[in-house]
């Protein structure tokens, strides 16, 4: 049915043990803001990463959005390394299904490509993916087209020569689902904790993909 699958990475394939918004704020947002000479509250940081604020919101603080997110990604990578050394970057058990899937698989993230690659490498998942993409593609060209918009996904499809009608997009939230639909693909949410109810398709674990392929 599908010739390719595009997977979101964070909270779809991997998770960060005991990570909360406060720690992420202290480890990534605060040092980034200090470097840029700005201040962002915990509430505003939460609004930024949850999608309540648009990606160009930092311009209101006098900082170019690309510069802001590049700085965030640099400190986020340092934080990933720290968590990796602490053994806190984990793969979900149901990612074992990846070895049973024989269609082209792509991984993407709204963090940087370097962060995405690191999380996949440390969990031994990188070998399953033909390509990995981050939001810094083409110097953050698609920054305003991240989920729930479909711009970054459309560019991935173009680069990989994948027809949207032949592609399934998998993520862990409604924003992932609607990004896939906006890109013209089929989409599904893996909702392991049954958190979401709405007008979208979902599965409880990745093993259910087998019946869809």
N, C-alpha and C. Protein backbone atom coordinates (compact mmCIF):
# COMPACT_ATOMS: atom_id res chain seq x y z
N UNK A 1 0.82 -1.21 0.00
CA UNK A 1 0.00 0.00 0.00
C UNK A 1 0.86 1.27 0.00
N UNK A 2 1.94 1.26 0.79
CA UNK A 2 2.84 2.40 0.84
C UNK A 2 4.24 1.98 0.41
N UNK A 3 4.92 2.89 -0.27
CA UNK A 3 6.30 2.62 -0.68
C UNK A 3 7.30 3.31 0.23
N UNK A 4 6.81 4.17 1.13
CA UNK A 4 7.70 4.89 2.04
C UNK A 4 6.95 5.29 3.31
N UNK A 5 7.70 5.40 4.40
CA UNK A 5 7.17 5.89 5.66
C UNK A 5 8.10 6.98 6.17
N UNK A 6 7.51 8.09 6.59
CA UNK A 6 8.29 9.16 7.24
C UNK A 6 7.91 9.17 8.72
N UNK A 7 8.91 8.96 9.57
CA UNK A 7 8.70 8.92 11.01
C UNK A 7 9.17 10.22 11.67
N UNK A 8 8.32 10.79 12.50
CA UNK A 8 8.79 11.76 13.48
C UNK A 8 9.68 11.00 14.46
N UNK A 9 10.63 11.69 15.10
CA UNK A 9 11.59 10.99 15.97
C UNK A 9 11.22 11.11 17.44
N UNK A 10 11.21 12.32 17.97
CA UNK A 10 11.02 12.51 19.40
C UNK A 10 9.61 12.14 19.84
N UNK A 11 9.53 11.25 20.82
CA UNK A 11 8.28 10.74 21.39
C UNK A 11 7.49 9.85 20.44
N UNK A 12 8.08 9.58 19.27
CA UNK A 12 7.53 8.59 18.36
C UNK A 12 8.43 7.35 18.35
N UNK A 13 9.72 7.60 18.17
CA UNK A 13 10.71 6.52 18.17
C UNK A 13 11.54 6.49 19.44
N UNK A 14 11.86 7.67 19.95
CA UNK A 14 12.70 7.76 21.15
C UNK A 14 12.05 8.68 22.18
N UNK A 15 12.47 8.52 23.43
CA UNK A 15 12.00 9.42 24.49
C UNK A 15 13.18 9.75 25.41
N UNK A 16 12.98 10.79 26.19
CA UNK A 16 14.04 11.30 27.05
C UNK A 16 13.59 11.12 28.50
N UNK A 17 14.22 10.19 29.17
CA UNK A 17 13.77 9.75 30.49
C UNK A 17 13.75 10.89 31.50
N UNK A 18 12.58 11.07 32.12
CA UNK A 18 12.38 12.06 33.18
C UNK A 18 12.60 13.50 32.74
N UNK A 19 12.53 13.75 31.46
CA UNK A 19 12.68 15.13 30.97
C UNK A 19 11.36 15.88 31.16
N UNK A 20 11.46 17.09 31.69
CA UNK A 20 10.28 17.94 31.81
C UNK A 20 10.60 19.32 31.26
N UNK A 21 9.57 20.14 31.14
CA UNK A 21 9.73 21.45 30.50
C UNK A 21 10.67 22.35 31.30
N UNK A 22 10.67 22.19 32.62
CA UNK A 22 11.53 23.03 33.46
C UNK A 22 13.01 22.74 33.20
N UNK A 23 13.35 21.47 33.10
CA UNK A 23 14.75 21.11 32.84
C UNK A 23 15.17 21.56 31.44
N UNK A 24 14.29 21.37 30.48
CA UNK A 24 14.59 21.78 29.11
C UNK A 24 14.80 23.30 29.04
N UNK A 25 13.99 24.01 29.77
CA UNK A 25 14.12 25.47 29.86
C UNK A 25 15.48 25.86 30.44
N UNK A 26 15.86 25.21 31.53
CA UNK A 26 17.10 25.57 32.20
C UNK A 26 18.34 25.16 31.40
N UNK A 27 18.26 24.04 30.72
CA UNK A 27 19.43 23.52 30.01
C UNK A 27 19.59 24.09 28.60
N UNK A 28 18.49 24.51 28.00
CA UNK A 28 18.54 24.94 26.60
C UNK A 28 18.12 26.40 26.42
N UNK A 29 16.94 26.75 26.92
CA UNK A 29 16.44 28.10 26.69
C UNK A 29 17.26 29.17 27.40
N UNK A 30 17.52 28.98 28.69
CA UNK A 30 18.22 30.01 29.45
C UNK A 30 19.62 30.31 28.91
N UNK A 31 20.46 29.30 28.65
CA UNK A 31 21.78 29.62 28.10
C UNK A 31 21.70 30.22 26.70
N UNK A 32 20.72 29.81 25.92
CA UNK A 32 20.54 30.40 24.58
C UNK A 32 20.19 31.87 24.70
N UNK A 33 19.27 32.18 25.61
CA UNK A 33 18.86 33.57 25.82
C UNK A 33 20.02 34.43 26.32
N UNK A 34 20.81 33.87 27.21
CA UNK A 34 21.97 34.61 27.71
C UNK A 34 22.94 34.92 26.57
N UNK A 35 23.14 33.94 25.69
CA UNK A 35 24.02 34.13 24.54
C UNK A 35 23.49 35.22 23.61
N UNK A 36 22.18 35.30 23.48
CA UNK A 36 21.54 36.25 22.56
C UNK A 36 21.21 37.58 23.22
N UNK A 37 21.34 37.66 24.53
CA UNK A 37 21.04 38.89 25.23
C UNK A 37 19.56 39.21 25.34
N UNK A 38 18.75 38.16 25.50
CA UNK A 38 17.30 38.34 25.63
C UNK A 38 16.81 37.56 26.84
N UNK A 39 15.55 37.75 27.19
CA UNK A 39 14.93 37.01 28.28
C UNK A 39 13.62 36.39 27.81
N UNK A 40 13.41 35.14 28.16
CA UNK A 40 12.17 34.43 27.84
C UNK A 40 11.73 33.70 29.10
N UNK A 41 10.48 33.87 29.47
CA UNK A 41 9.96 33.20 30.66
C UNK A 41 9.70 31.72 30.38
N UNK A 42 9.54 30.97 31.45
CA UNK A 42 9.20 29.55 31.30
C UNK A 42 7.88 29.39 30.57
N UNK A 43 6.90 30.23 30.87
CA UNK A 43 5.60 30.13 30.20
C UNK A 43 5.73 30.40 28.71
N UNK A 44 6.53 31.40 28.35
CA UNK A 44 6.70 31.70 26.93
C UNK A 44 7.49 30.60 26.22
N UNK A 45 8.46 30.01 26.90
CA UNK A 45 9.19 28.89 26.32
C UNK A 45 8.24 27.72 26.06
N UNK A 46 7.38 27.45 27.00
CA UNK A 46 6.40 26.38 26.83
C UNK A 46 5.49 26.67 25.64
N UNK A 47 5.10 27.93 25.49
CA UNK A 47 4.25 28.31 24.36
C UNK A 47 4.98 28.16 23.03
N UNK A 48 6.27 28.45 23.04
CA UNK A 48 7.08 28.32 21.82
C UNK A 48 7.19 26.87 21.38
N UNK A 49 7.56 25.99 22.30
CA UNK A 49 7.82 24.60 21.91
C UNK A 49 6.54 23.80 21.73
N UNK A 50 5.44 24.29 22.30
CA UNK A 50 4.16 23.58 22.13
C UNK A 50 3.42 24.00 20.87
N UNK A 51 3.89 25.07 20.24
CA UNK A 51 3.24 25.54 19.02
C UNK A 51 2.22 26.63 19.23
N UNK A 52 1.99 27.04 20.48
CA UNK A 52 1.05 28.13 20.74
C UNK A 52 1.56 29.43 20.14
N UNK A 53 2.87 29.66 20.25
CA UNK A 53 3.51 30.80 19.59
C UNK A 53 4.10 30.33 18.26
N UNK A 54 4.10 31.19 17.27
CA UNK A 54 4.70 30.84 15.98
C UNK A 54 6.22 30.82 16.09
N UNK A 55 6.86 30.19 15.14
CA UNK A 55 8.31 30.05 15.19
C UNK A 55 9.04 31.38 15.03
N UNK A 56 8.38 32.39 14.50
CA UNK A 56 9.03 33.70 14.36
C UNK A 56 8.73 34.63 15.53
N UNK A 57 8.13 34.10 16.60
CA UNK A 57 7.83 34.91 17.78
C UNK A 57 9.06 35.60 18.35
N UNK A 58 10.26 34.98 18.34
CA UNK A 58 11.44 35.66 18.89
C UNK A 58 11.76 37.00 18.23
N UNK A 59 11.24 37.23 17.02
CA UNK A 59 11.48 38.53 16.37
C UNK A 59 10.91 39.67 17.20
N UNK A 60 9.88 39.38 18.01
CA UNK A 60 9.32 40.41 18.88
C UNK A 60 10.32 40.86 19.93
N UNK A 61 11.33 40.02 20.17
CA UNK A 61 12.37 40.34 21.15
C UNK A 61 13.59 40.96 20.49
N UNK A 62 13.48 41.18 19.18
CA UNK A 62 14.58 41.80 18.46
C UNK A 62 15.62 40.82 17.95
N UNK A 63 15.26 39.54 17.89
CA UNK A 63 16.20 38.52 17.43
C UNK A 63 15.65 37.84 16.18
N UNK A 64 16.46 37.75 15.17
CA UNK A 64 16.06 37.04 13.96
C UNK A 64 15.69 35.60 14.30
N UNK A 65 14.58 35.13 13.77
CA UNK A 65 14.08 33.80 14.12
C UNK A 65 15.07 32.70 13.79
N UNK A 66 15.73 32.79 12.64
CA UNK A 66 16.70 31.76 12.28
C UNK A 66 17.87 31.75 13.25
N UNK A 67 18.32 32.93 13.63
CA UNK A 67 19.42 33.04 14.59
C UNK A 67 19.01 32.44 15.93
N UNK A 68 17.78 32.73 16.35
CA UNK A 68 17.29 32.20 17.61
C UNK A 68 17.27 30.69 17.61
N UNK A 69 16.67 30.08 16.58
CA UNK A 69 16.53 28.63 16.57
C UNK A 69 17.85 27.92 16.32
N UNK A 70 18.75 28.56 15.60
CA UNK A 70 20.08 27.98 15.44
C UNK A 70 20.79 27.92 16.79
N UNK A 71 20.65 28.97 17.59
CA UNK A 71 21.26 28.99 18.92
C UNK A 71 20.61 27.94 19.82
N UNK A 72 19.28 27.86 19.78
CA UNK A 72 18.57 26.84 20.55
C UNK A 72 19.07 25.45 20.17
N UNK A 73 19.21 25.19 18.88
CA UNK A 73 19.64 23.87 18.43
C UNK A 73 21.06 23.54 18.88
N UNK A 74 21.92 24.55 18.95
CA UNK A 74 23.29 24.33 19.42
C UNK A 74 23.30 23.89 20.88
N UNK A 75 22.51 24.57 21.71
CA UNK A 75 22.45 24.19 23.12
C UNK A 75 21.65 22.91 23.33
N UNK A 76 20.67 22.68 22.47
CA UNK A 76 19.92 21.43 22.55
C UNK A 76 20.81 20.24 22.25
N UNK A 77 21.73 20.41 21.30
CA UNK A 77 22.67 19.32 20.98
C UNK A 77 23.57 19.02 22.18
N UNK A 78 24.06 20.06 22.83
CA UNK A 78 24.87 19.86 24.03
C UNK A 78 24.09 19.12 25.11
N UNK A 79 22.81 19.48 25.22
CA UNK A 79 21.95 18.82 26.20
C UNK A 79 21.71 17.36 25.83
N UNK A 80 21.57 17.08 24.54
CA UNK A 80 21.40 15.69 24.11
C UNK A 80 22.63 14.86 24.49
N UNK A 81 23.79 15.44 24.27
CA UNK A 81 25.02 14.72 24.63
C UNK A 81 25.03 14.42 26.12
N UNK A 82 24.65 15.40 26.92
CA UNK A 82 24.59 15.23 28.38
C UNK A 82 23.62 14.11 28.74
N UNK A 83 22.42 14.15 28.15
CA UNK A 83 21.44 13.10 28.45
C UNK A 83 21.92 11.74 27.97
N UNK A 84 22.62 11.73 26.84
CA UNK A 84 23.16 10.48 26.33
C UNK A 84 24.15 9.87 27.31
N UNK A 85 25.02 10.69 27.87
CA UNK A 85 25.99 10.20 28.85
C UNK A 85 25.30 9.71 30.12
N UNK A 86 24.16 10.30 30.41
CA UNK A 86 23.39 9.89 31.59
C UNK A 86 22.52 8.66 31.32
N UNK A 87 22.51 8.19 30.09
CA UNK A 87 21.69 7.03 29.73
C UNK A 87 20.22 7.32 29.69
N UNK A 88 19.86 8.57 29.39
CA UNK A 88 18.45 8.98 29.45
C UNK A 88 17.76 9.02 28.09
N UNK A 89 18.46 8.74 27.01
CA UNK A 89 17.83 8.71 25.70
C UNK A 89 17.50 7.26 25.38
N UNK A 90 16.22 6.96 25.28
CA UNK A 90 15.74 5.59 25.16
C UNK A 90 14.92 5.40 23.89
N UNK A 91 14.93 4.21 23.37
CA UNK A 91 14.02 3.88 22.28
C UNK A 91 12.82 3.14 22.85
N UNK A 92 11.66 3.36 22.23
CA UNK A 92 10.48 2.62 22.63
C UNK A 92 10.64 1.15 22.24
N UNK A 93 10.13 0.26 23.07
CA UNK A 93 10.28 -1.17 22.79
C UNK A 93 9.67 -1.57 21.46
N UNK A 94 8.57 -0.90 21.08
CA UNK A 94 7.90 -1.29 19.84
C UNK A 94 8.66 -0.85 18.59
N UNK A 95 9.78 -0.12 18.75
CA UNK A 95 10.60 0.19 17.57
C UNK A 95 11.29 -1.06 17.02
N UNK A 96 11.19 -2.18 17.73
CA UNK A 96 11.71 -3.44 17.19
C UNK A 96 11.04 -3.77 15.86
N UNK A 97 9.85 -3.22 15.64
CA UNK A 97 9.13 -3.49 14.40
C UNK A 97 9.87 -2.96 13.18
N UNK A 98 10.75 -2.00 13.37
CA UNK A 98 11.45 -1.41 12.22
C UNK A 98 12.23 -2.45 11.43
N UNK A 99 12.71 -3.46 12.10
CA UNK A 99 13.48 -4.52 11.41
C UNK A 99 12.59 -5.38 10.53
N UNK A 100 11.28 -5.27 10.70
CA UNK A 100 10.32 -6.08 9.93
C UNK A 100 9.72 -5.30 8.77
N UNK A 101 10.04 -4.04 8.64
CA UNK A 101 9.46 -3.19 7.61
C UNK A 101 10.42 -3.10 6.43
N UNK A 102 9.92 -3.38 5.24
CA UNK A 102 10.82 -3.42 4.08
C UNK A 102 10.54 -2.32 3.06
N UNK A 103 9.89 -1.24 3.48
CA UNK A 103 9.73 -0.09 2.59
C UNK A 103 10.74 0.97 3.01
N UNK A 104 10.94 1.95 2.17
CA UNK A 104 11.88 3.04 2.46
C UNK A 104 11.41 3.82 3.68
N UNK A 105 12.31 4.01 4.64
CA UNK A 105 11.96 4.74 5.85
C UNK A 105 12.84 5.98 6.00
N UNK A 106 12.18 7.09 6.28
CA UNK A 106 12.84 8.38 6.49
C UNK A 106 12.51 8.85 7.90
N UNK A 107 13.45 9.50 8.57
CA UNK A 107 13.19 10.06 9.89
C UNK A 107 13.36 11.57 9.82
N UNK A 108 12.50 12.29 10.54
CA UNK A 108 12.64 13.75 10.56
C UNK A 108 12.28 14.29 11.93
N UNK A 109 12.73 15.53 12.18
CA UNK A 109 12.54 16.12 13.49
C UNK A 109 12.44 17.63 13.37
N UNK A 110 11.78 18.27 14.34
CA UNK A 110 11.77 19.72 14.40
C UNK A 110 12.92 20.23 15.27
N UNK A 111 13.80 19.35 15.69
CA UNK A 111 15.10 19.77 16.20
C UNK A 111 16.05 19.77 15.00
N UNK A 112 17.33 20.00 15.23
CA UNK A 112 18.28 20.03 14.12
C UNK A 112 18.61 18.62 13.64
N UNK A 113 19.15 18.53 12.45
CA UNK A 113 19.57 17.23 11.92
C UNK A 113 20.61 16.58 12.83
N UNK A 114 21.52 17.39 13.37
CA UNK A 114 22.56 16.85 14.25
C UNK A 114 21.95 16.25 15.51
N UNK A 115 20.97 16.94 16.08
CA UNK A 115 20.27 16.40 17.25
C UNK A 115 19.54 15.11 16.89
N UNK A 116 18.87 15.12 15.76
CA UNK A 116 18.10 13.95 15.33
C UNK A 116 19.01 12.75 15.11
N UNK A 117 20.11 12.98 14.41
CA UNK A 117 21.06 11.89 14.14
C UNK A 117 21.61 11.33 15.46
N UNK A 118 21.92 12.21 16.39
CA UNK A 118 22.47 11.76 17.67
C UNK A 118 21.49 10.85 18.40
N UNK A 119 20.23 11.25 18.47
CA UNK A 119 19.24 10.44 19.18
C UNK A 119 19.05 9.08 18.52
N UNK A 120 19.11 9.04 17.20
CA UNK A 120 18.96 7.77 16.51
C UNK A 120 20.20 6.89 16.65
N UNK A 121 21.36 7.50 16.60
CA UNK A 121 22.60 6.73 16.73
C UNK A 121 22.73 6.10 18.11
N UNK A 122 22.46 6.88 19.16
CA UNK A 122 22.67 6.39 20.52
C UNK A 122 21.67 5.30 20.90
N UNK A 123 20.54 5.25 20.20
CA UNK A 123 19.54 4.21 20.45
C UNK A 123 19.62 3.07 19.43
N UNK A 124 20.63 3.11 18.57
CA UNK A 124 20.86 2.07 17.55
C UNK A 124 19.73 1.97 16.53
N UNK A 125 19.05 3.09 16.29
CA UNK A 125 17.96 3.11 15.31
C UNK A 125 18.36 3.70 13.96
N UNK A 126 19.49 4.37 13.92
CA UNK A 126 19.87 5.07 12.69
C UNK A 126 19.96 4.15 11.48
N UNK A 127 20.37 2.91 11.69
CA UNK A 127 20.59 1.96 10.59
C UNK A 127 19.33 1.66 9.80
N UNK A 128 18.17 1.93 10.37
CA UNK A 128 16.92 1.60 9.69
C UNK A 128 16.47 2.68 8.70
N UNK A 129 17.10 3.84 8.74
CA UNK A 129 16.58 4.98 7.98
C UNK A 129 17.49 5.38 6.82
N UNK A 130 16.84 5.53 5.68
CA UNK A 130 17.58 5.91 4.47
C UNK A 130 18.14 7.33 4.60
N UNK A 131 17.35 8.24 5.18
CA UNK A 131 17.77 9.63 5.36
C UNK A 131 17.19 10.16 6.66
N UNK A 132 17.83 11.22 7.17
CA UNK A 132 17.36 11.91 8.37
C UNK A 132 17.36 13.41 8.10
N UNK A 133 16.28 14.08 8.47
CA UNK A 133 16.15 15.52 8.24
C UNK A 133 15.82 16.24 9.54
N UNK A 134 16.24 17.50 9.62
CA UNK A 134 15.91 18.36 10.74
C UNK A 134 15.35 19.68 10.26
N UNK A 135 14.93 20.50 11.21
CA UNK A 135 14.31 21.76 10.81
C UNK A 135 15.33 22.76 10.25
N UNK A 136 16.63 22.45 10.40
CA UNK A 136 17.67 23.34 9.88
C UNK A 136 17.98 23.09 8.41
N UNK A 137 17.16 22.30 7.75
CA UNK A 137 17.37 22.01 6.33
C UNK A 137 17.46 23.31 5.53
N UNK A 138 18.48 23.40 4.67
CA UNK A 138 18.70 24.59 3.84
C UNK A 138 18.71 25.87 4.69
N UNK A 139 19.47 25.83 5.78
CA UNK A 139 19.61 26.99 6.66
C UNK A 139 18.26 27.51 7.15
N UNK A 140 17.45 26.56 7.63
CA UNK A 140 16.15 26.89 8.25
C UNK A 140 15.16 27.51 7.25
N UNK A 141 15.29 27.12 6.01
CA UNK A 141 14.41 27.65 4.97
C UNK A 141 12.94 27.35 5.25
N UNK A 142 12.67 26.22 5.90
CA UNK A 142 11.29 25.77 6.11
C UNK A 142 10.83 25.97 7.55
N UNK A 143 11.48 26.91 8.23
CA UNK A 143 11.18 27.16 9.64
C UNK A 143 9.71 27.45 9.89
N UNK A 144 9.07 28.20 8.98
CA UNK A 144 7.67 28.56 9.17
C UNK A 144 6.72 27.53 8.56
N UNK A 145 7.27 26.42 8.07
CA UNK A 145 6.46 25.37 7.46
C UNK A 145 6.59 24.05 8.20
N UNK A 146 6.95 24.14 9.50
CA UNK A 146 7.03 22.94 10.32
C UNK A 146 5.63 22.53 10.77
N UNK A 147 5.52 21.33 11.34
CA UNK A 147 4.21 20.84 11.79
C UNK A 147 3.51 21.86 12.68
N UNK A 148 2.20 22.06 12.48
CA UNK A 148 1.27 21.24 11.70
C UNK A 148 1.21 21.57 10.21
N UNK A 149 2.07 22.45 9.73
CA UNK A 149 2.13 22.76 8.30
C UNK A 149 2.93 21.67 7.57
N UNK A 150 2.76 21.59 6.28
CA UNK A 150 3.36 20.48 5.55
C UNK A 150 4.58 20.82 4.73
N UNK A 151 5.10 22.04 4.84
CA UNK A 151 6.18 22.47 3.96
C UNK A 151 7.45 21.64 4.06
N UNK A 152 7.91 21.37 5.27
CA UNK A 152 9.13 20.58 5.43
C UNK A 152 8.93 19.17 4.89
N UNK A 153 7.79 18.59 5.17
CA UNK A 153 7.51 17.25 4.66
C UNK A 153 7.44 17.23 3.13
N UNK A 154 6.85 18.26 2.54
CA UNK A 154 6.79 18.30 1.07
C UNK A 154 8.19 18.37 0.48
N UNK A 155 9.08 19.11 1.12
CA UNK A 155 10.45 19.19 0.62
C UNK A 155 11.16 17.84 0.77
N UNK A 156 10.91 17.14 1.87
CA UNK A 156 11.49 15.80 2.03
C UNK A 156 10.99 14.86 0.94
N UNK A 157 9.71 14.92 0.67
CA UNK A 157 9.15 14.08 -0.40
C UNK A 157 9.81 14.39 -1.74
N UNK A 158 10.00 15.68 -2.03
CA UNK A 158 10.62 16.09 -3.29
C UNK A 158 12.04 15.55 -3.40
N UNK A 159 12.80 15.71 -2.33
CA UNK A 159 14.19 15.27 -2.34
C UNK A 159 14.33 13.76 -2.45
N UNK A 160 13.41 13.05 -1.85
CA UNK A 160 13.47 11.59 -1.85
C UNK A 160 12.73 10.96 -3.02
N UNK A 161 12.13 11.82 -3.86
CA UNK A 161 11.38 11.34 -5.03
C UNK A 161 10.27 10.37 -4.61
N UNK A 162 9.52 10.79 -3.59
CA UNK A 162 8.42 9.98 -3.07
C UNK A 162 7.11 10.68 -3.40
N UNK A 163 6.18 9.95 -3.97
CA UNK A 163 4.85 10.50 -4.21
C UNK A 163 4.07 10.57 -2.90
N UNK A 164 3.44 11.71 -2.60
CA UNK A 164 2.67 11.80 -1.35
C UNK A 164 1.64 10.69 -1.18
N UNK A 165 1.01 10.29 -2.28
CA UNK A 165 -0.02 9.26 -2.20
C UNK A 165 0.54 7.89 -1.82
N UNK A 166 1.85 7.74 -1.94
CA UNK A 166 2.50 6.47 -1.61
C UNK A 166 3.18 6.49 -0.24
N UNK A 167 2.97 7.58 0.51
CA UNK A 167 3.73 7.77 1.74
C UNK A 167 2.83 7.84 2.96
N UNK A 168 3.27 7.22 4.04
CA UNK A 168 2.61 7.29 5.34
C UNK A 168 3.49 8.08 6.30
N UNK A 169 2.91 9.07 6.97
CA UNK A 169 3.62 9.86 7.97
C UNK A 169 3.16 9.43 9.36
N UNK A 170 4.12 9.19 10.25
CA UNK A 170 3.80 8.72 11.59
C UNK A 170 4.41 9.65 12.63
N UNK A 171 3.58 10.10 13.57
CA UNK A 171 4.06 10.94 14.66
C UNK A 171 3.33 10.61 15.94
N UNK A 172 3.55 11.43 16.96
CA UNK A 172 2.98 11.13 18.27
C UNK A 172 1.91 12.13 18.71
N UNK A 173 1.54 13.06 17.81
CA UNK A 173 0.57 14.10 18.21
C UNK A 173 -0.29 14.50 17.03
N UNK A 174 -1.41 15.17 17.29
CA UNK A 174 -2.23 15.68 16.19
C UNK A 174 -1.47 16.62 15.26
N UNK A 175 -0.51 17.37 15.78
CA UNK A 175 0.28 18.26 14.92
C UNK A 175 1.04 17.47 13.87
N UNK A 176 1.57 16.30 14.24
CA UNK A 176 2.25 15.43 13.28
C UNK A 176 1.26 14.93 12.23
N UNK A 177 0.10 14.53 12.71
CA UNK A 177 -0.93 14.01 11.79
C UNK A 177 -1.31 15.06 10.76
N UNK A 178 -1.61 16.26 11.20
CA UNK A 178 -2.08 17.29 10.28
C UNK A 178 -0.97 17.79 9.36
N UNK A 179 0.28 17.69 9.80
CA UNK A 179 1.39 18.01 8.91
C UNK A 179 1.45 17.01 7.76
N UNK A 180 1.26 15.73 8.08
CA UNK A 180 1.26 14.71 7.04
C UNK A 180 0.14 14.91 6.04
N UNK A 181 -1.05 15.20 6.55
CA UNK A 181 -2.20 15.44 5.67
C UNK A 181 -1.96 16.68 4.81
N UNK A 182 -1.40 17.74 5.40
CA UNK A 182 -1.12 18.97 4.65
C UNK A 182 -0.12 18.72 3.53
N UNK A 183 0.76 17.73 3.72
CA UNK A 183 1.75 17.40 2.68
C UNK A 183 1.18 16.46 1.63
N UNK A 184 -0.07 16.04 1.80
CA UNK A 184 -0.72 15.18 0.82
C UNK A 184 -0.54 13.70 1.08
N UNK A 185 0.00 13.35 2.24
CA UNK A 185 0.27 11.96 2.58
C UNK A 185 -0.88 11.37 3.40
N UNK A 186 -0.85 10.08 3.59
CA UNK A 186 -1.65 9.46 4.64
C UNK A 186 -0.90 9.68 5.95
N UNK A 187 -1.60 9.69 7.06
CA UNK A 187 -0.95 9.97 8.34
C UNK A 187 -1.63 9.19 9.45
N UNK A 188 -0.86 8.96 10.51
CA UNK A 188 -1.38 8.23 11.66
C UNK A 188 -0.59 8.64 12.90
N UNK A 189 -1.24 8.60 14.05
CA UNK A 189 -0.59 8.91 15.32
C UNK A 189 -0.37 7.61 16.09
N UNK A 190 0.82 7.45 16.66
CA UNK A 190 1.02 6.37 17.62
C UNK A 190 0.76 6.96 19.00
N UNK A 191 -0.33 6.53 19.60
CA UNK A 191 -0.83 7.09 20.86
C UNK A 191 -0.77 6.00 21.92
N UNK A 192 0.41 5.80 22.47
CA UNK A 192 0.64 4.69 23.39
C UNK A 192 -0.13 4.84 24.70
N UNK A 193 -0.43 6.06 25.08
CA UNK A 193 -1.10 6.29 26.35
C UNK A 193 -2.55 6.74 26.17
N UNK A 194 -3.07 6.64 24.97
CA UNK A 194 -4.45 7.02 24.66
C UNK A 194 -4.76 8.44 25.14
N UNK A 195 -3.89 9.36 24.76
CA UNK A 195 -4.03 10.76 25.20
C UNK A 195 -4.95 11.57 24.30
N UNK A 196 -5.10 11.16 23.05
CA UNK A 196 -5.76 12.01 22.08
C UNK A 196 -7.06 11.41 21.56
N UNK A 197 -8.06 12.27 21.44
CA UNK A 197 -9.32 11.91 20.80
C UNK A 197 -9.63 12.99 19.78
N UNK A 198 -10.00 12.60 18.58
CA UNK A 198 -10.28 13.60 17.57
C UNK A 198 -10.42 13.00 16.20
N UNK A 199 -10.46 13.86 15.21
CA UNK A 199 -10.68 13.46 13.83
C UNK A 199 -9.36 13.10 13.17
N UNK A 200 -8.76 12.01 13.63
CA UNK A 200 -7.51 11.54 13.04
C UNK A 200 -7.38 10.04 13.31
N UNK A 201 -6.53 9.40 12.55
CA UNK A 201 -6.29 7.98 12.72
C UNK A 201 -5.16 7.76 13.71
N UNK A 202 -5.28 6.72 14.51
CA UNK A 202 -4.21 6.44 15.46
C UNK A 202 -4.08 4.94 15.71
N UNK A 203 -2.90 4.57 16.22
CA UNK A 203 -2.62 3.21 16.63
C UNK A 203 -2.06 3.27 18.05
N UNK A 204 -2.06 2.13 18.74
CA UNK A 204 -1.59 2.10 20.13
C UNK A 204 -0.11 1.77 20.23
N UNK A 205 0.44 1.12 19.21
CA UNK A 205 1.87 0.82 19.19
C UNK A 205 2.32 0.60 17.76
N UNK A 206 3.61 0.66 17.55
CA UNK A 206 4.15 0.62 16.18
C UNK A 206 4.00 -0.76 15.52
N UNK A 207 3.79 -1.79 16.30
CA UNK A 207 3.59 -3.11 15.70
C UNK A 207 2.34 -3.16 14.83
N UNK A 208 1.39 -2.29 15.10
CA UNK A 208 0.18 -2.25 14.30
C UNK A 208 0.44 -1.78 12.86
N UNK A 209 1.63 -1.22 12.63
CA UNK A 209 1.96 -0.79 11.26
C UNK A 209 1.98 -1.96 10.29
N UNK A 210 2.35 -3.12 10.77
CA UNK A 210 2.50 -4.28 9.89
C UNK A 210 1.22 -4.53 9.09
N UNK A 211 0.09 -4.38 9.74
CA UNK A 211 -1.18 -4.64 9.06
C UNK A 211 -1.55 -3.54 8.07
N UNK A 212 -0.86 -2.40 8.13
CA UNK A 212 -1.17 -1.27 7.24
C UNK A 212 -0.31 -1.26 5.99
N UNK A 213 0.73 -2.08 5.96
CA UNK A 213 1.68 -2.04 4.85
C UNK A 213 1.41 -3.13 3.82
